[in-house]
Structures are given as structure tokens and as C-alpha cells.
Amino acid sequence: MGSTVTNLSPALLLAWDLAATEAATANRSFIDPEHLMLGLLRLADYETPETLTEIGYQIEEARAIVPEITRLLHIFTTLKLDPVLLRRDLRERKTGKLPLLNWNTGPLPRRGSDREPPKVLHRSTESRLVFTFADDLTRRADPQGTTTLVHLLLALLRSPHSHVGAWLRAQHVDVEALLATTQDSLATS
């Protein structure tokens, strides 16, 4: 596996920012793979150019990002999965309000409330490995390719460093069908 992730799509960078926001809101020290999944699921809130301009994107940038978000959301809708409901459940499990199954990462210890949250949140080791996995998927298909939202979703489902597949199975999601739909989406790009 490679060690440096390169050439990330603007939509993937947005999902990463949303993941960082999820981690910061939960007062976490690192961005875990589950936060990355939350970032992907939150993209359902930004499926039009107008919603992206509201958070600071120029209209041209927004128009370029929307097709990739639409492609990701199509994977979920094909399987009749609601990103908003999935996001709520995962957020509750990650914050410790609901049991986390037997995840190794579990809820991270909260920092003391007297400490200010960090200005920059870094990815956990597991998240870095998931990004590397996604980048490797991209490089195998095209050494000069761009790593996209779909690559990250596939990495979150297949990487041994992510518990997203186990969480989805607990939600009665057919993970094999999700994997197949995700792989089909990559094959038709």
C-alpha cells in the first residue's frame, strides 16, 4: 500500500471537512473512520449547487461538485437507504448514547470541558489507513486518477481498519449489495 494520499476530489475534501466537523462537535481528538462515514452521509444536505454556495463555494465549484455527490447518494437510494437516518444512528453510537457493538475504536474519551478544542483535527491512524486504501483503489484503476467519494465509501466498507461494515450490518443493511452497488458505480465512471 502507498503511504501518501494524493489527488483528492473537491467533493471528497468537503466530506473530509464534514467529518472533521462531526469529530469536533463530538469533542473528539481525532477523525475516526466512523466520522468519515458521517461526512459522506452529511453530503445529503448538499446535493444542490445552492446549498454548496451557502457554505462558501463559488457557483462554478458547486456545479462541479454536485455530480459526484449525486453519484454517491444514488448508491444509497438504489438500496433504499436513507442517509439522514443512518447518520443519526451512527452519530448516537459514536457519541456513546447507544452501544457501539464491539467496535475496537469505541467512543473516544472526551477531553476535559475546560480545554479548548483543537484548531485542526487530524485523522486517526485508522482513518489514514482507510484513505490510503481508497487511494490504492484509485491507483490500481488509474495511476493518475482522482480519489472520489465512491472510492472512500468502498474503502470504508472493505478496509480492515474500519468498522463501518459491521455497523451497517447491525442496521440490517445488506453490506454485500452495498459493496456491489459501490463497485458498479466505480466501474461505470
N, C-alpha and C. Protein backbone atom coordinates (compact mmCIF):
# COMPACT_ATOMS: atom_id res chain seq x y z
N MET A 1 0.83 -1.18 0.00
CA MET A 1 0.00 0.00 0.00
C MET A 1 0.87 1.24 0.00
N GLY A 2 0.38 2.27 -0.67
CA GLY A 2 1.09 3.54 -0.69
C GLY A 2 1.01 4.24 0.65
N SER A 3 1.87 5.24 0.82
CA SER A 3 1.87 5.92 2.11
C SER A 3 1.34 7.33 2.02
N THR A 4 1.24 7.91 0.84
CA THR A 4 0.78 9.27 0.70
C THR A 4 -0.47 9.30 -0.17
N VAL A 5 -1.51 9.94 0.34
CA VAL A 5 -2.74 10.08 -0.41
C VAL A 5 -2.61 11.33 -1.27
N THR A 6 -2.92 11.18 -2.54
CA THR A 6 -2.78 12.31 -3.46
C THR A 6 -4.05 12.46 -4.29
N ASN A 7 -4.21 13.63 -4.85
CA ASN A 7 -5.25 13.91 -5.84
C ASN A 7 -6.65 13.53 -5.36
N LEU A 8 -7.11 14.21 -4.33
CA LEU A 8 -8.46 14.00 -3.81
C LEU A 8 -9.42 14.95 -4.51
N SER A 9 -10.61 14.46 -4.82
CA SER A 9 -11.61 15.30 -5.48
C SER A 9 -12.09 16.39 -4.52
N PRO A 10 -12.57 17.52 -5.06
CA PRO A 10 -13.13 18.57 -4.20
C PRO A 10 -14.29 18.06 -3.34
N ALA A 11 -15.11 17.16 -3.88
CA ALA A 11 -16.22 16.60 -3.10
C ALA A 11 -15.69 15.76 -1.94
N LEU A 12 -14.61 15.03 -2.16
CA LEU A 12 -14.01 14.23 -1.08
C LEU A 12 -13.42 15.14 -0.01
N LEU A 13 -12.82 16.24 -0.43
CA LEU A 13 -12.30 17.21 0.55
C LEU A 13 -13.44 17.80 1.38
N LEU A 14 -14.59 18.04 0.76
CA LEU A 14 -15.75 18.52 1.51
C LEU A 14 -16.19 17.46 2.52
N ALA A 15 -16.28 16.20 2.11
CA ALA A 15 -16.66 15.13 3.05
C ALA A 15 -15.68 15.05 4.21
N TRP A 16 -14.41 15.25 3.94
CA TRP A 16 -13.39 15.24 4.99
C TRP A 16 -13.62 16.39 5.95
N ASP A 17 -13.94 17.57 5.42
CA ASP A 17 -14.25 18.72 6.27
C ASP A 17 -15.48 18.44 7.13
N LEU A 18 -16.50 17.83 6.54
CA LEU A 18 -17.70 17.49 7.29
C LEU A 18 -17.39 16.46 8.38
N ALA A 19 -16.50 15.52 8.08
CA ALA A 19 -16.08 14.53 9.08
C ALA A 19 -15.36 15.22 10.23
N ALA A 20 -14.52 16.19 9.90
CA ALA A 20 -13.81 16.94 10.95
C ALA A 20 -14.80 17.70 11.82
N THR A 21 -15.82 18.26 11.19
CA THR A 21 -16.86 18.97 11.95
C THR A 21 -17.59 18.02 12.89
N GLU A 22 -17.90 16.83 12.39
CA GLU A 22 -18.56 15.82 13.23
C GLU A 22 -17.68 15.47 14.43
N ALA A 23 -16.40 15.27 14.18
CA ALA A 23 -15.48 14.92 15.28
C ALA A 23 -15.36 16.07 16.27
N ALA A 24 -15.24 17.29 15.78
CA ALA A 24 -15.11 18.46 16.66
C ALA A 24 -16.38 18.68 17.47
N THR A 25 -17.53 18.52 16.82
CA THR A 25 -18.81 18.70 17.51
C THR A 25 -18.96 17.69 18.64
N ALA A 26 -18.44 16.50 18.42
CA ALA A 26 -18.49 15.44 19.45
C ALA A 26 -17.34 15.57 20.44
N ASN A 27 -16.55 16.64 20.30
CA ASN A 27 -15.42 16.90 21.20
C ASN A 27 -14.40 15.77 21.18
N ARG A 28 -14.10 15.28 19.98
CA ARG A 28 -13.14 14.20 19.81
C ARG A 28 -11.76 14.76 19.45
N SER A 29 -10.76 13.95 19.68
CA SER A 29 -9.39 14.37 19.42
C SER A 29 -8.93 14.05 18.01
N PHE A 30 -9.57 13.08 17.37
CA PHE A 30 -9.17 12.64 16.03
C PHE A 30 -10.41 12.38 15.18
N ILE A 31 -10.20 12.35 13.88
CA ILE A 31 -11.25 11.96 12.94
C ILE A 31 -11.11 10.45 12.72
N ASP A 32 -12.11 9.71 13.16
CA ASP A 32 -12.12 8.25 13.01
C ASP A 32 -12.84 7.86 11.71
N PRO A 33 -12.70 6.61 11.28
CA PRO A 33 -13.43 6.17 10.09
C PRO A 33 -14.94 6.40 10.18
N GLU A 34 -15.50 6.25 11.38
CA GLU A 34 -16.94 6.49 11.54
C GLU A 34 -17.28 7.95 11.25
N HIS A 35 -16.39 8.88 11.62
CA HIS A 35 -16.61 10.29 11.28
C HIS A 35 -16.55 10.49 9.77
N LEU A 36 -15.67 9.76 9.10
CA LEU A 36 -15.61 9.85 7.63
C LEU A 36 -16.94 9.40 7.03
N MET A 37 -17.51 8.32 7.58
CA MET A 37 -18.81 7.86 7.09
C MET A 37 -19.87 8.92 7.36
N LEU A 38 -19.82 9.54 8.54
CA LEU A 38 -20.76 10.63 8.84
C LEU A 38 -20.60 11.76 7.83
N GLY A 39 -19.36 12.07 7.45
CA GLY A 39 -19.13 13.10 6.45
C GLY A 39 -19.77 12.74 5.12
N LEU A 40 -19.65 11.48 4.70
CA LEU A 40 -20.29 11.03 3.46
C LEU A 40 -21.81 11.15 3.58
N LEU A 41 -22.35 10.73 4.71
CA LEU A 41 -23.80 10.77 4.89
C LEU A 41 -24.33 12.20 4.95
N ARG A 42 -23.54 13.11 5.49
CA ARG A 42 -23.95 14.52 5.57
C ARG A 42 -24.02 15.19 4.21
N LEU A 43 -23.40 14.61 3.21
CA LEU A 43 -23.46 15.19 1.87
C LEU A 43 -24.88 15.23 1.33
N ALA A 44 -25.79 14.46 1.93
CA ALA A 44 -27.20 14.53 1.54
C ALA A 44 -27.76 15.93 1.76
N ASP A 45 -27.13 16.70 2.63
CA ASP A 45 -27.56 18.09 2.89
C ASP A 45 -27.03 19.06 1.84
N TYR A 46 -26.17 18.58 0.94
CA TYR A 46 -25.50 19.47 -0.02
C TYR A 46 -25.60 18.94 -1.44
N GLU A 47 -26.79 18.52 -1.84
CA GLU A 47 -26.91 17.92 -3.17
C GLU A 47 -27.33 18.90 -4.26
N THR A 48 -27.35 20.19 -3.95
CA THR A 48 -27.63 21.20 -4.99
C THR A 48 -26.54 22.26 -4.96
N PRO A 49 -26.31 22.91 -6.09
CA PRO A 49 -25.31 23.99 -6.10
C PRO A 49 -25.65 25.10 -5.10
N GLU A 50 -26.93 25.37 -4.91
CA GLU A 50 -27.34 26.43 -3.99
C GLU A 50 -26.92 26.13 -2.55
N THR A 51 -27.08 24.88 -2.13
CA THR A 51 -26.69 24.54 -0.76
C THR A 51 -25.18 24.63 -0.58
N LEU A 52 -24.44 24.37 -1.64
CA LEU A 52 -22.98 24.49 -1.55
C LEU A 52 -22.54 25.95 -1.55
N THR A 53 -23.24 26.81 -2.29
CA THR A 53 -22.87 28.23 -2.27
C THR A 53 -23.16 28.84 -0.90
N GLU A 54 -24.16 28.29 -0.19
CA GLU A 54 -24.47 28.78 1.15
C GLU A 54 -23.33 28.53 2.14
N ILE A 55 -22.48 27.56 1.85
CA ILE A 55 -21.35 27.29 2.75
C ILE A 55 -20.03 27.81 2.16
N GLY A 56 -20.12 28.65 1.12
CA GLY A 56 -18.93 29.34 0.66
C GLY A 56 -18.36 28.95 -0.68
N TYR A 57 -18.93 27.96 -1.34
CA TYR A 57 -18.41 27.58 -2.67
C TYR A 57 -18.89 28.57 -3.72
N GLN A 58 -18.05 28.82 -4.70
CA GLN A 58 -18.48 29.58 -5.86
C GLN A 58 -19.41 28.70 -6.67
N ILE A 59 -20.31 29.31 -7.41
CA ILE A 59 -21.32 28.54 -8.15
C ILE A 59 -20.67 27.55 -9.12
N GLU A 60 -19.57 27.94 -9.77
CA GLU A 60 -18.90 27.02 -10.70
C GLU A 60 -18.33 25.82 -9.96
N GLU A 61 -17.72 26.07 -8.80
CA GLU A 61 -17.19 24.96 -7.99
C GLU A 61 -18.33 24.05 -7.55
N ALA A 62 -19.42 24.65 -7.12
CA ALA A 62 -20.56 23.88 -6.64
C ALA A 62 -21.13 23.00 -7.75
N ARG A 63 -21.24 23.55 -8.93
CA ARG A 63 -21.77 22.78 -10.06
C ARG A 63 -20.85 21.61 -10.41
N ALA A 64 -19.57 21.78 -10.19
CA ALA A 64 -18.62 20.70 -10.47
C ALA A 64 -18.67 19.60 -9.41
N ILE A 65 -19.01 19.96 -8.18
CA ILE A 65 -19.04 19.01 -7.07
C ILE A 65 -20.33 18.20 -7.03
N VAL A 66 -21.44 18.82 -7.39
CA VAL A 66 -22.76 18.18 -7.25
C VAL A 66 -22.86 16.82 -7.96
N PRO A 67 -22.35 16.64 -9.18
CA PRO A 67 -22.49 15.32 -9.80
C PRO A 67 -21.85 14.18 -8.99
N GLU A 68 -20.74 14.46 -8.34
CA GLU A 68 -20.10 13.42 -7.53
C GLU A 68 -20.93 13.11 -6.28
N ILE A 69 -21.51 14.13 -5.68
CA ILE A 69 -22.39 13.92 -4.53
C ILE A 69 -23.62 13.13 -4.97
N THR A 70 -24.19 13.50 -6.10
CA THR A 70 -25.37 12.80 -6.64
C THR A 70 -25.05 11.33 -6.88
N ARG A 71 -23.88 11.07 -7.41
CA ARG A 71 -23.45 9.69 -7.68
C ARG A 71 -23.36 8.88 -6.39
N LEU A 72 -22.80 9.48 -5.35
CA LEU A 72 -22.71 8.80 -4.05
C LEU A 72 -24.11 8.54 -3.50
N LEU A 73 -24.95 9.55 -3.51
CA LEU A 73 -26.30 9.40 -2.94
C LEU A 73 -27.13 8.39 -3.73
N HIS A 74 -26.86 8.28 -5.02
CA HIS A 74 -27.57 7.29 -5.85
C HIS A 74 -27.28 5.86 -5.36
N ILE A 75 -26.08 5.64 -4.88
CA ILE A 75 -25.74 4.32 -4.33
C ILE A 75 -26.67 4.00 -3.16
N PHE A 76 -26.87 4.97 -2.27
CA PHE A 76 -27.74 4.75 -1.12
C PHE A 76 -29.20 4.60 -1.55
N THR A 77 -29.67 5.46 -2.44
CA THR A 77 -31.07 5.40 -2.83
C THR A 77 -31.39 4.13 -3.63
N THR A 78 -30.41 3.63 -4.38
CA THR A 78 -30.61 2.38 -5.11
C THR A 78 -30.99 1.25 -4.16
N LEU A 79 -30.42 1.29 -2.96
CA LEU A 79 -30.68 0.24 -1.97
C LEU A 79 -31.72 0.68 -0.93
N LYS A 80 -32.39 1.80 -1.22
CA LYS A 80 -33.42 2.34 -0.33
C LYS A 80 -32.88 2.64 1.06
N LEU A 81 -31.68 3.18 1.11
CA LEU A 81 -31.06 3.58 2.37
C LEU A 81 -31.19 5.09 2.52
N ASP A 82 -31.60 5.53 3.69
CA ASP A 82 -31.77 6.95 3.96
C ASP A 82 -30.53 7.47 4.68
N PRO A 83 -29.72 8.31 4.01
CA PRO A 83 -28.50 8.82 4.65
C PRO A 83 -28.76 9.58 5.94
N VAL A 84 -29.89 10.27 6.04
CA VAL A 84 -30.19 11.04 7.26
C VAL A 84 -30.43 10.10 8.44
N LEU A 85 -31.21 9.04 8.24
CA LEU A 85 -31.46 8.09 9.33
C LEU A 85 -30.19 7.34 9.72
N LEU A 86 -29.41 6.94 8.73
CA LEU A 86 -28.14 6.27 9.02
C LEU A 86 -27.22 7.20 9.81
N ARG A 87 -27.16 8.45 9.40
CA ARG A 87 -26.29 9.43 10.07
C ARG A 87 -26.71 9.60 11.52
N ARG A 88 -27.99 9.71 11.78
CA ARG A 88 -28.47 9.89 13.16
C ARG A 88 -28.06 8.71 14.03
N ASP A 89 -28.24 7.50 13.51
CA ASP A 89 -27.89 6.32 14.30
C ASP A 89 -26.39 6.26 14.55
N LEU A 90 -25.60 6.47 13.52
CA LEU A 90 -24.15 6.39 13.69
C LEU A 90 -23.66 7.47 14.64
N ARG A 91 -24.20 8.66 14.54
CA ARG A 91 -23.80 9.75 15.43
C ARG A 91 -24.11 9.38 16.88
N GLU A 92 -25.28 8.82 17.13
CA GLU A 92 -25.64 8.43 18.50
C GLU A 92 -24.73 7.33 19.02
N ARG A 93 -24.38 6.39 18.17
CA ARG A 93 -23.49 5.32 18.60
C ARG A 93 -22.07 5.84 18.84
N LYS A 94 -21.61 6.73 17.99
CA LYS A 94 -20.25 7.24 18.13
C LYS A 94 -20.11 8.14 19.36
N THR A 95 -21.18 8.83 19.73
CA THR A 95 -21.09 9.71 20.90
C THR A 95 -21.35 8.96 22.20
N GLY A 96 -21.66 7.67 22.11
CA GLY A 96 -21.81 6.87 23.31
C GLY A 96 -23.23 6.82 23.84
N LYS A 97 -24.19 7.41 23.12
CA LYS A 97 -25.58 7.38 23.58
C LYS A 97 -26.20 6.00 23.36
N LEU A 98 -25.68 5.28 22.38
CA LEU A 98 -26.14 3.92 22.12
C LEU A 98 -24.91 3.01 22.12
N PRO A 99 -25.09 1.71 22.38
CA PRO A 99 -23.93 0.82 22.37
C PRO A 99 -23.28 0.78 20.99
N LEU A 100 -21.98 0.64 20.98
CA LEU A 100 -21.21 0.66 19.74
C LEU A 100 -20.93 -0.73 19.19
N LEU A 101 -21.74 -1.69 19.48
CA LEU A 101 -21.44 -3.07 19.11
C LEU A 101 -20.17 -3.45 19.85
N ASN A 102 -19.24 -4.10 19.19
CA ASN A 102 -17.96 -4.43 19.82
C ASN A 102 -16.82 -3.75 19.07
N TRP A 103 -17.02 -2.51 18.68
CA TRP A 103 -16.01 -1.79 17.92
C TRP A 103 -14.77 -1.59 18.77
N ASN A 104 -13.64 -1.78 18.15
CA ASN A 104 -12.39 -1.55 18.87
C ASN A 104 -12.17 -0.07 19.16
N THR A 105 -12.59 0.79 18.25
CA THR A 105 -12.35 2.21 18.45
C THR A 105 -13.24 2.76 19.54
N GLY A 106 -14.50 2.30 19.59
CA GLY A 106 -15.43 2.76 20.61
C GLY A 106 -15.51 4.26 20.69
N PRO A 107 -16.26 4.79 21.63
CA PRO A 107 -16.27 6.24 21.76
C PRO A 107 -14.93 6.68 22.32
N LEU A 108 -14.38 7.68 21.73
CA LEU A 108 -13.10 8.19 22.23
C LEU A 108 -13.34 8.93 23.53
N PRO A 109 -12.36 8.91 24.43
CA PRO A 109 -12.55 9.64 25.68
C PRO A 109 -12.73 11.13 25.39
N ARG A 110 -13.67 11.72 26.07
CA ARG A 110 -13.89 13.16 25.89
C ARG A 110 -12.77 13.92 26.59
N ARG A 111 -12.37 14.98 25.95
CA ARG A 111 -11.39 15.85 26.59
C ARG A 111 -12.10 16.61 27.69
N GLY A 112 -11.33 17.11 28.64
CA GLY A 112 -11.91 17.92 29.71
C GLY A 112 -12.62 19.13 29.13
N SER A 113 -13.76 19.48 29.73
CA SER A 113 -14.55 20.60 29.20
C SER A 113 -13.84 21.93 29.35
N ASP A 114 -12.81 21.98 30.20
CA ASP A 114 -12.08 23.24 30.38
C ASP A 114 -11.05 23.46 29.28
N ARG A 115 -10.83 22.45 28.45
CA ARG A 115 -9.87 22.59 27.36
C ARG A 115 -10.57 23.02 26.10
N GLU A 116 -9.93 23.91 25.37
CA GLU A 116 -10.48 24.36 24.10
C GLU A 116 -10.23 23.30 23.04
N PRO A 117 -11.21 23.10 22.14
CA PRO A 117 -11.00 22.09 21.10
C PRO A 117 -9.83 22.49 20.20
N PRO A 118 -9.15 21.50 19.62
CA PRO A 118 -8.01 21.83 18.77
C PRO A 118 -8.46 22.60 17.54
N LYS A 119 -7.58 23.43 17.01
CA LYS A 119 -7.89 24.21 15.81
C LYS A 119 -7.94 23.32 14.58
N VAL A 120 -7.11 22.28 14.56
CA VAL A 120 -7.07 21.34 13.44
C VAL A 120 -7.20 19.94 14.00
N LEU A 121 -8.13 19.19 13.44
CA LEU A 121 -8.26 17.79 13.84
C LEU A 121 -7.57 16.93 12.81
N HIS A 122 -6.76 16.03 13.28
CA HIS A 122 -6.05 15.12 12.38
C HIS A 122 -6.81 13.80 12.31
N ARG A 123 -6.56 13.08 11.25
CA ARG A 123 -7.16 11.76 11.11
C ARG A 123 -6.47 10.79 12.07
N SER A 124 -7.26 9.88 12.60
CA SER A 124 -6.69 8.81 13.41
C SER A 124 -5.87 7.91 12.50
N THR A 125 -5.07 7.05 13.10
CA THR A 125 -4.30 6.09 12.32
C THR A 125 -5.22 5.26 11.43
N GLU A 126 -6.36 4.84 11.97
CA GLU A 126 -7.31 4.04 11.20
C GLU A 126 -7.84 4.82 10.00
N SER A 127 -8.15 6.10 10.20
CA SER A 127 -8.65 6.92 9.09
C SER A 127 -7.58 7.13 8.02
N ARG A 128 -6.35 7.32 8.45
CA ARG A 128 -5.26 7.45 7.46
C ARG A 128 -5.15 6.18 6.63
N LEU A 129 -5.28 5.04 7.30
CA LEU A 129 -5.19 3.77 6.58
C LEU A 129 -6.38 3.58 5.63
N VAL A 130 -7.56 4.05 6.02
CA VAL A 130 -8.72 3.98 5.12
C VAL A 130 -8.49 4.87 3.90
N PHE A 131 -7.96 6.08 4.12
CA PHE A 131 -7.65 6.96 2.99
C PHE A 131 -6.61 6.33 2.07
N THR A 132 -5.61 5.69 2.65
CA THR A 132 -4.59 5.01 1.85
C THR A 132 -5.22 3.89 1.04
N PHE A 133 -6.13 3.16 1.66
CA PHE A 133 -6.85 2.08 0.97
C PHE A 133 -7.63 2.66 -0.22
N ALA A 134 -8.34 3.77 0.00
CA ALA A 134 -9.10 4.42 -1.08
C ALA A 134 -8.17 4.89 -2.19
N ASP A 135 -7.04 5.46 -1.81
CA ASP A 135 -6.07 5.94 -2.80
C ASP A 135 -5.50 4.77 -3.60
N ASP A 136 -5.23 3.66 -2.92
CA ASP A 136 -4.72 2.47 -3.62
C ASP A 136 -5.75 1.94 -4.63
N LEU A 137 -7.04 1.96 -4.25
CA LEU A 137 -8.09 1.56 -5.20
C LEU A 137 -8.04 2.43 -6.44
N THR A 138 -7.84 3.72 -6.24
CA THR A 138 -7.77 4.66 -7.36
C THR A 138 -6.56 4.36 -8.23
N ARG A 139 -5.39 4.20 -7.61
CA ARG A 139 -4.14 3.99 -8.34
C ARG A 139 -4.15 2.69 -9.14
N ARG A 140 -4.82 1.67 -8.61
CA ARG A 140 -4.90 0.40 -9.35
C ARG A 140 -5.68 0.58 -10.65
N ALA A 141 -6.70 1.41 -10.62
CA ALA A 141 -7.52 1.64 -11.81
C ALA A 141 -6.87 2.65 -12.75
N ASP A 142 -6.22 3.67 -12.17
CA ASP A 142 -5.62 4.73 -12.98
C ASP A 142 -4.55 5.42 -12.14
N PRO A 143 -3.28 5.21 -12.45
CA PRO A 143 -2.21 5.80 -11.64
C PRO A 143 -2.30 7.32 -11.50
N GLN A 144 -2.95 7.99 -12.43
CA GLN A 144 -3.10 9.45 -12.36
C GLN A 144 -4.51 9.86 -11.93
N GLY A 145 -5.32 8.90 -11.50
CA GLY A 145 -6.72 9.15 -11.18
C GLY A 145 -6.93 9.97 -9.93
N THR A 146 -8.16 10.42 -9.78
CA THR A 146 -8.57 11.20 -8.62
C THR A 146 -9.37 10.31 -7.68
N THR A 147 -9.05 10.36 -6.41
CA THR A 147 -9.78 9.61 -5.41
C THR A 147 -11.07 10.36 -5.09
N THR A 148 -12.19 9.64 -5.19
CA THR A 148 -13.50 10.26 -5.08
C THR A 148 -14.27 9.76 -3.86
N LEU A 149 -15.47 10.29 -3.70
CA LEU A 149 -16.36 9.86 -2.63
C LEU A 149 -16.64 8.36 -2.70
N VAL A 150 -16.82 7.85 -3.90
CA VAL A 150 -17.13 6.43 -4.07
C VAL A 150 -15.94 5.57 -3.66
N HIS A 151 -14.73 6.02 -3.97
CA HIS A 151 -13.54 5.29 -3.51
C HIS A 151 -13.50 5.25 -1.98
N LEU A 152 -13.80 6.39 -1.34
CA LEU A 152 -13.78 6.41 0.12
C LEU A 152 -14.86 5.50 0.69
N LEU A 153 -16.06 5.52 0.13
CA LEU A 153 -17.11 4.62 0.61
C LEU A 153 -16.67 3.17 0.49
N LEU A 154 -16.12 2.80 -0.65
CA LEU A 154 -15.66 1.43 -0.84
C LEU A 154 -14.57 1.08 0.17
N ALA A 155 -13.67 2.00 0.42
CA ALA A 155 -12.61 1.76 1.41
C ALA A 155 -13.19 1.60 2.81
N LEU A 156 -14.18 2.41 3.16
CA LEU A 156 -14.81 2.29 4.48
C LEU A 156 -15.51 0.94 4.64
N LEU A 157 -16.02 0.41 3.54
CA LEU A 157 -16.71 -0.88 3.60
C LEU A 157 -15.74 -2.06 3.59
N ARG A 158 -14.61 -1.92 2.91
CA ARG A 158 -13.70 -3.05 2.72
C ARG A 158 -12.46 -3.04 3.60
N SER A 159 -12.05 -1.90 4.06
CA SER A 159 -10.80 -1.82 4.82
C SER A 159 -10.92 -2.53 6.17
N PRO A 160 -9.88 -3.28 6.55
CA PRO A 160 -9.90 -3.91 7.87
C PRO A 160 -9.75 -2.89 9.00
N HIS A 161 -9.49 -1.64 8.65
CA HIS A 161 -9.29 -0.59 9.65
C HIS A 161 -10.57 0.20 9.92
N SER A 162 -11.68 -0.25 9.36
CA SER A 162 -12.96 0.44 9.51
C SER A 162 -14.00 -0.53 10.03
N HIS A 163 -14.85 -0.03 10.92
CA HIS A 163 -15.94 -0.84 11.48
C HIS A 163 -17.28 -0.44 10.87
N VAL A 164 -17.25 0.32 9.79
CA VAL A 164 -18.48 0.80 9.17
C VAL A 164 -19.33 -0.36 8.66
N GLY A 165 -18.71 -1.36 8.04
CA GLY A 165 -19.46 -2.52 7.56
C GLY A 165 -20.19 -3.23 8.68
N ALA A 166 -19.54 -3.41 9.82
CA ALA A 166 -20.18 -4.07 10.96
C ALA A 166 -21.35 -3.24 11.47
N TRP A 167 -21.17 -1.94 11.53
CA TRP A 167 -22.27 -1.07 11.98
C TRP A 167 -23.45 -1.16 11.01
N LEU A 168 -23.18 -1.13 9.71
CA LEU A 168 -24.25 -1.22 8.72
C LEU A 168 -24.99 -2.55 8.82
N ARG A 169 -24.24 -3.63 9.04
CA ARG A 169 -24.89 -4.94 9.21
C ARG A 169 -25.83 -4.91 10.41
N ALA A 170 -25.42 -4.25 11.48
CA ALA A 170 -26.28 -4.13 12.66
C ALA A 170 -27.53 -3.31 12.36
N GLN A 171 -27.47 -2.49 11.32
CA GLN A 171 -28.64 -1.71 10.89
C GLN A 171 -29.47 -2.49 9.86
N HIS A 172 -29.14 -3.75 9.67
CA HIS A 172 -29.83 -4.64 8.73
C HIS A 172 -29.65 -4.18 7.28
N VAL A 173 -28.51 -3.57 7.02
CA VAL A 173 -28.16 -3.19 5.65
C VAL A 173 -27.47 -4.38 5.00
N ASP A 174 -27.84 -4.67 3.78
CA ASP A 174 -27.19 -5.72 3.01
C ASP A 174 -25.85 -5.14 2.52
N VAL A 175 -24.80 -5.36 3.30
CA VAL A 175 -23.50 -4.77 3.00
C VAL A 175 -22.93 -5.33 1.70
N GLU A 176 -23.20 -6.59 1.41
CA GLU A 176 -22.71 -7.16 0.15
C GLU A 176 -23.35 -6.45 -1.05
N ALA A 177 -24.65 -6.15 -0.95
CA ALA A 177 -25.32 -5.41 -2.02
C ALA A 177 -24.77 -3.99 -2.11
N LEU A 178 -24.49 -3.38 -0.96
CA LEU A 178 -23.91 -2.04 -0.95
C LEU A 178 -22.52 -2.05 -1.59
N LEU A 179 -21.73 -3.06 -1.25
CA LEU A 179 -20.41 -3.20 -1.87
C LEU A 179 -20.53 -3.36 -3.39
N ALA A 180 -21.44 -4.22 -3.83
CA ALA A 180 -21.62 -4.47 -5.25
C ALA A 180 -22.08 -3.21 -5.98
N THR A 181 -23.01 -2.47 -5.38
CA THR A 181 -23.50 -1.24 -6.00
C THR A 181 -22.40 -0.20 -6.05
N THR A 182 -21.59 -0.12 -5.01
CA THR A 182 -20.49 0.82 -4.97
C THR A 182 -19.45 0.46 -6.04
N GLN A 183 -19.11 -0.82 -6.13
CA GLN A 183 -18.15 -1.26 -7.14
C GLN A 183 -18.69 -1.03 -8.56
N ASP A 184 -19.99 -1.26 -8.76
CA ASP A 184 -20.60 -0.99 -10.07
C ASP A 184 -20.50 0.50 -10.40
N SER A 185 -20.70 1.34 -9.41
CA SER A 185 -20.61 2.79 -9.64
C SER A 185 -19.20 3.18 -10.07
N LEU A 186 -18.20 2.56 -9.46
CA LEU A 186 -16.82 2.82 -9.87
C LEU A 186 -16.54 2.31 -11.29
N ALA A 187 -17.09 1.16 -11.60
CA ALA A 187 -16.85 0.56 -12.91
C ALA A 187 -17.46 1.37 -14.04
N THR A 188 -18.53 2.10 -13.75
CA THR A 188 -19.19 2.87 -14.80
C THR A 188 -18.71 4.31 -14.86
N SER A 189 -17.68 4.63 -14.09
CA SER A 189 -17.20 6.02 -14.10
C SER A 189 -16.26 6.27 -15.27
